Every structure is written in C-alpha cells, then in structure tokens.
Amino acid sequence: MDGVLADCFEQFVRYEHADLGTSKTIADGIGKTDDETFANARTYLYQPGFFRNMPVIPGSQELLHKLNEAYELFIVSSATEFPQSLTEKQEWLNEHFPFIGWEQMVFCGKKTMISADIMIDDHFKNLDPFKGRTLLFTQPHNQLADAGKHTRVYSWNEIGHLLLSGQQRINTHSAGNNAIAFAPVISKYA
C-alpha cells in the first residue's frame, strides 16, 4: 500500500519540512532508504496521522477502480509494525478507495504469506519470495536497483496498460475468474 497507493516518500518530505525546515526532493532519495534520506524517519512513522494523512499516488484511484471491476483484488499491507498504522491505513483506504470493501483488505506483518497471481509492490523483500507475476513500482529507494525478474512500472497508467489490455489480461484457473491481489496484490487465494 505504502509506496504504491499512498505516497510515503512525499509524506516523509512533508514531515521533515515541518520538523526541520528542510525541503527534500526525489533526487535526494534516489538509491537510499528512507532512514538514509530523512533524519527522523523512524520517529515520523510512530506519530499519529503519519499513515492516515498520506497523499494518494496519482492515477491509483481511477486505475484501481477499473482493476477492481476486472479482477478479484486485495490490498495487502504490512500494518502491524507501527501501532497506529493498522487503523490509520484502514481509514485511509475507506476514504480514498471507498469501492474497496473490508473483505479486500489484508493487514499482516510479512507479505510472504500471500499467495496470489500478481503482486505490485515497491520493495524487493516482498516481491522476491512471491510465486506469481511481480510488478516493481518505482520509488526513489529502488530506482537504481536492477528490477531482476520483476517488471518495473513507473506509473498507474503503465499498470493499466499491462493488466487491462486484452492480450495481457491474467486468466486464472477457477471458472475463468480474473484475480488480482495488491500489495496491492492480485489473487484468487489471498
């Protein structure tokens, strides 16, 4: 969810600007972890409202709505590390993606438990062990890394082209249903 639907990098920029008066850009974060880019990143993650007030990644609302109509879609988020994030992430999803029902939200500690057809994520730690098709959503921290076996995507428009065009559509084995589980993950098994 963070880094794919919710703009975590921009949220760090806002928090650091309010805290220290600095104005970081995407260029400052290329190839670096959030902790390397933002002096107080770990502190911000524990502050109430950090997850609840993240900006939405452009194009995600419209495209996710279309994907939700075409696939069985699940939003998967590692939400148990930071105490307030579980509630804040659910509230955020309800506000910005009201077409996603509570049954489609999966909050967990590690995403390695997810079995699906497609996973979209910005972290290799989630994509590498995944058995299905993987889309690496570009964020500053992964921009310099070789995508390896994953398909790198730069925008939601690109995801739409890959997953909604006729020849690229995923056909699952169960009664011809299409399934997407988003970490977003696209799945018939999540």
Protein backbone atom coordinates (compact mmCIF):
# COMPACT_ATOMS: atom_id res chain seq x y z
CA MET A 1 0.00 0.00 0.00
CA ASP A 2 2.70 2.49 1.05
CA GLY A 3 4.74 3.46 -1.98
CA VAL A 4 2.15 2.03 -4.40
CA LEU A 5 -1.17 3.64 -3.43
CA ALA A 6 -0.02 6.02 -0.69
CA ASP A 7 2.88 8.38 -1.36
CA CYS A 8 5.10 7.57 1.60
CA PHE A 9 8.10 9.49 0.21
CA GLU A 10 6.07 12.70 -0.11
CA GLN A 11 4.74 12.19 3.42
CA PHE A 12 8.32 11.98 4.73
CA VAL A 13 9.15 15.18 2.79
CA ARG A 14 6.22 16.97 4.45
CA TYR A 15 7.02 15.74 7.95
CA GLU A 16 10.71 16.60 7.67
CA HIS A 17 9.90 20.05 6.30
CA ALA A 18 7.56 20.73 9.25
CA ASP A 19 10.09 19.29 11.71
CA LEU A 20 13.42 20.59 10.40
CA GLY A 21 12.54 23.15 7.74
CA THR A 22 14.31 21.17 5.02
CA SER A 23 12.87 20.57 1.55
CA LYS A 24 14.00 17.25 0.13
CA THR A 25 13.30 16.22 -3.44
CA ILE A 26 13.01 12.85 -5.15
CA ALA A 27 16.61 13.27 -6.30
CA ASP A 28 17.72 13.33 -2.64
CA GLY A 29 16.21 9.88 -2.09
CA ILE A 30 17.35 8.03 -5.20
CA GLY A 31 19.00 4.78 -4.23
CA LYS A 32 18.68 5.46 -0.49
CA THR A 33 16.47 4.02 2.22
CA ASP A 34 14.00 6.30 3.99
CA ASP A 35 16.28 6.23 7.05
CA GLU A 36 19.21 7.41 4.93
CA THR A 37 17.17 10.18 3.29
CA PHE A 38 15.22 11.51 6.26
CA ALA A 39 16.99 12.13 9.59
CA ASN A 40 13.93 11.34 11.72
CA ALA A 41 12.15 8.82 9.51
CA ARG A 42 11.62 6.26 12.29
CA THR A 43 10.20 8.92 14.59
CA TYR A 44 7.69 10.07 11.96
CA LEU A 45 6.45 6.50 11.44
CA TYR A 46 5.26 6.39 15.06
CA GLN A 47 3.50 9.76 15.00
CA PRO A 48 -0.31 9.73 14.92
CA GLY A 49 -1.59 10.73 11.49
CA PHE A 50 1.51 9.74 9.53
CA PHE A 51 -0.25 6.88 7.71
CA ARG A 52 -3.74 8.41 7.87
CA ASN A 53 -2.78 11.58 6.02
CA MET A 54 -0.51 10.29 3.26
CA PRO A 55 -1.13 11.72 -0.20
CA VAL A 56 -2.61 9.41 -2.83
CA ILE A 57 -0.31 8.37 -5.67
CA PRO A 58 -1.60 9.98 -8.88
CA GLY A 59 -3.73 7.74 -11.08
CA SER A 60 -4.12 5.00 -8.48
CA GLN A 61 -7.76 5.68 -7.60
CA GLU A 62 -9.10 5.54 -11.13
CA LEU A 63 -6.99 2.57 -12.20
CA LEU A 64 -7.61 0.56 -9.04
CA HIS A 65 -11.34 1.08 -9.54
CA LYS A 66 -11.05 -0.40 -13.05
CA LEU A 67 -8.88 -3.28 -11.81
CA ASN A 68 -11.38 -3.97 -9.03
CA GLU A 69 -14.09 -4.43 -11.67
CA ALA A 70 -11.92 -6.74 -13.79
CA TYR A 71 -10.17 -8.82 -11.10
CA GLU A 72 -10.58 -10.21 -7.64
CA LEU A 73 -8.49 -7.59 -5.89
CA PHE A 74 -6.94 -7.42 -2.43
CA ILE A 75 -4.99 -4.65 -0.77
CA VAL A 76 -2.21 -6.16 1.31
CA SER A 77 -0.24 -4.05 3.76
CA SER A 78 2.36 -4.75 6.41
CA ALA A 79 0.48 -2.83 9.06
CA THR A 80 1.40 -4.42 12.35
CA GLU A 81 4.89 -2.97 12.96
CA PHE A 82 3.66 0.51 13.83
CA PRO A 83 0.86 0.51 16.43
CA GLN A 84 -1.38 3.17 14.88
CA SER A 85 -0.82 2.20 11.26
CA LEU A 86 -3.41 -0.58 11.08
CA THR A 87 -6.33 1.68 11.98
CA GLU A 88 -4.94 4.63 10.04
CA LYS A 89 -4.41 2.56 6.90
CA GLN A 90 -7.92 1.16 7.04
CA GLU A 91 -9.38 4.66 7.49
CA TRP A 92 -7.19 5.94 4.63
CA LEU A 93 -8.38 3.18 2.31
CA ASN A 94 -12.02 3.78 3.25
CA GLU A 95 -11.65 7.48 2.44
CA HIS A 96 -9.63 7.30 -0.77
CA PHE A 97 -10.74 3.92 -2.16
CA PRO A 98 -14.35 3.53 -0.95
CA PHE A 99 -15.01 0.84 -3.58
CA ILE A 100 -12.58 -1.50 -1.75
CA GLY A 101 -14.56 -3.47 0.83
CA TRP A 102 -13.25 -4.55 4.21
CA GLU A 103 -13.10 -8.12 2.88
CA GLN A 104 -10.48 -6.98 0.37
CA MET A 105 -8.12 -5.51 2.97
CA VAL A 106 -5.37 -7.78 4.29
CA PHE A 107 -3.20 -6.36 7.09
CA CYS A 108 -0.27 -8.51 8.11
CA GLY A 109 3.30 -8.50 9.40
CA LYS A 110 5.05 -10.05 6.40
CA LYS A 111 3.71 -10.37 2.88
CA THR A 112 5.44 -13.71 2.31
CA MET A 113 2.20 -15.39 3.43
CA ILE A 114 0.33 -14.02 0.41
CA SER A 115 -0.46 -16.38 -2.43
CA ALA A 116 -1.83 -14.61 -5.49
CA ASP A 117 -1.45 -14.27 -9.23
CA ILE A 118 0.08 -10.78 -9.32
CA MET A 119 1.76 -8.58 -6.72
CA ILE A 120 2.54 -4.90 -7.18
CA ASP A 121 4.99 -3.58 -4.60
CA ASP A 122 7.91 -1.19 -4.26
CA HIS A 123 10.08 -3.49 -2.09
CA PHE A 124 12.14 -6.44 -3.27
CA LYS A 125 11.70 -8.10 0.16
CA ASN A 126 8.01 -8.55 -0.72
CA LEU A 127 8.38 -9.34 -4.41
CA ASP A 128 11.36 -11.74 -4.38
CA PRO A 129 9.67 -14.62 -2.49
CA PHE A 130 6.34 -14.14 -4.30
CA LYS A 131 5.48 -17.02 -6.65
CA GLY A 132 3.24 -15.13 -9.10
CA ARG A 133 3.83 -12.30 -11.53
CA THR A 134 5.52 -9.29 -9.92
CA LEU A 135 5.43 -5.60 -10.79
CA LEU A 136 8.05 -3.38 -9.13
CA PHE A 137 6.50 0.05 -8.56
CA THR A 138 9.29 2.59 -8.94
CA GLN A 139 10.07 4.69 -5.90
CA PRO A 140 13.25 6.67 -5.13
CA HIS A 141 14.66 3.93 -2.88
CA ASN A 142 14.52 1.27 -5.64
CA GLN A 143 15.15 3.47 -8.68
CA LEU A 144 18.81 2.49 -9.13
CA ALA A 145 18.28 -1.22 -8.48
CA ASP A 146 18.07 -3.74 -11.31
CA ALA A 147 14.47 -4.96 -11.46
CA GLY A 148 15.73 -8.52 -11.97
CA LYS A 149 12.86 -10.94 -12.52
CA HIS A 150 10.27 -8.24 -11.77
CA THR A 151 8.61 -5.94 -14.31
CA ARG A 152 9.38 -2.34 -13.37
CA VAL A 153 6.48 0.10 -13.64
CA TYR A 154 6.68 3.86 -13.27
CA SER A 155 3.01 4.82 -13.02
CA TRP A 156 -0.53 3.57 -12.64
CA ASN A 157 -1.10 4.28 -16.34
CA GLU A 158 1.61 1.75 -17.11
CA ILE A 159 -0.02 -0.78 -14.76
CA GLY A 160 -3.33 -0.25 -16.56
CA HIS A 161 -1.69 -0.90 -19.90
CA LEU A 162 -0.14 -4.14 -18.60
CA LEU A 163 -3.16 -5.51 -16.75
CA LEU A 164 -6.19 -4.20 -18.61
CA SER A 165 -5.20 -4.61 -22.24
CA GLY A 166 -6.74 -7.70 -23.86
CA GLN A 167 -3.55 -9.65 -24.58
CA GLN A 168 -2.02 -9.01 -21.15
CA ARG A 169 -5.05 -9.95 -19.04
CA ILE A 170 -4.47 -12.70 -16.49
CA ASN A 171 -6.80 -15.70 -16.78
CA THR A 172 -6.97 -17.81 -13.63
CA HIS A 173 -7.94 -21.45 -13.42
CA SER A 174 -11.11 -21.07 -11.35
CA ALA A 175 -14.13 -20.71 -13.61
CA GLY A 176 -12.39 -18.13 -15.75
CA ASN A 177 -12.26 -15.52 -12.97
CA ASN A 178 -9.57 -12.88 -13.06
CA ALA A 179 -7.85 -12.31 -9.74
CA ILE A 180 -5.54 -9.56 -8.55
CA ALA A 181 -4.20 -9.21 -5.06
CA PHE A 182 -2.46 -5.91 -4.48
CA ALA A 183 0.25 -5.09 -2.15
CA PRO A 184 -1.55 -4.29 -3.86
CA VAL A 185 -1.77 -7.98 -4.74
CA ILE A 186 -3.87 -9.71 -7.40
CA SER A 187 -5.04 -13.04 -6.21
CA LYS A 188 -7.57 -15.76 -6.09
CA TYR A 189 -6.03 -17.11 -2.89
CA ALA A 190 -5.22 -14.12 -0.65
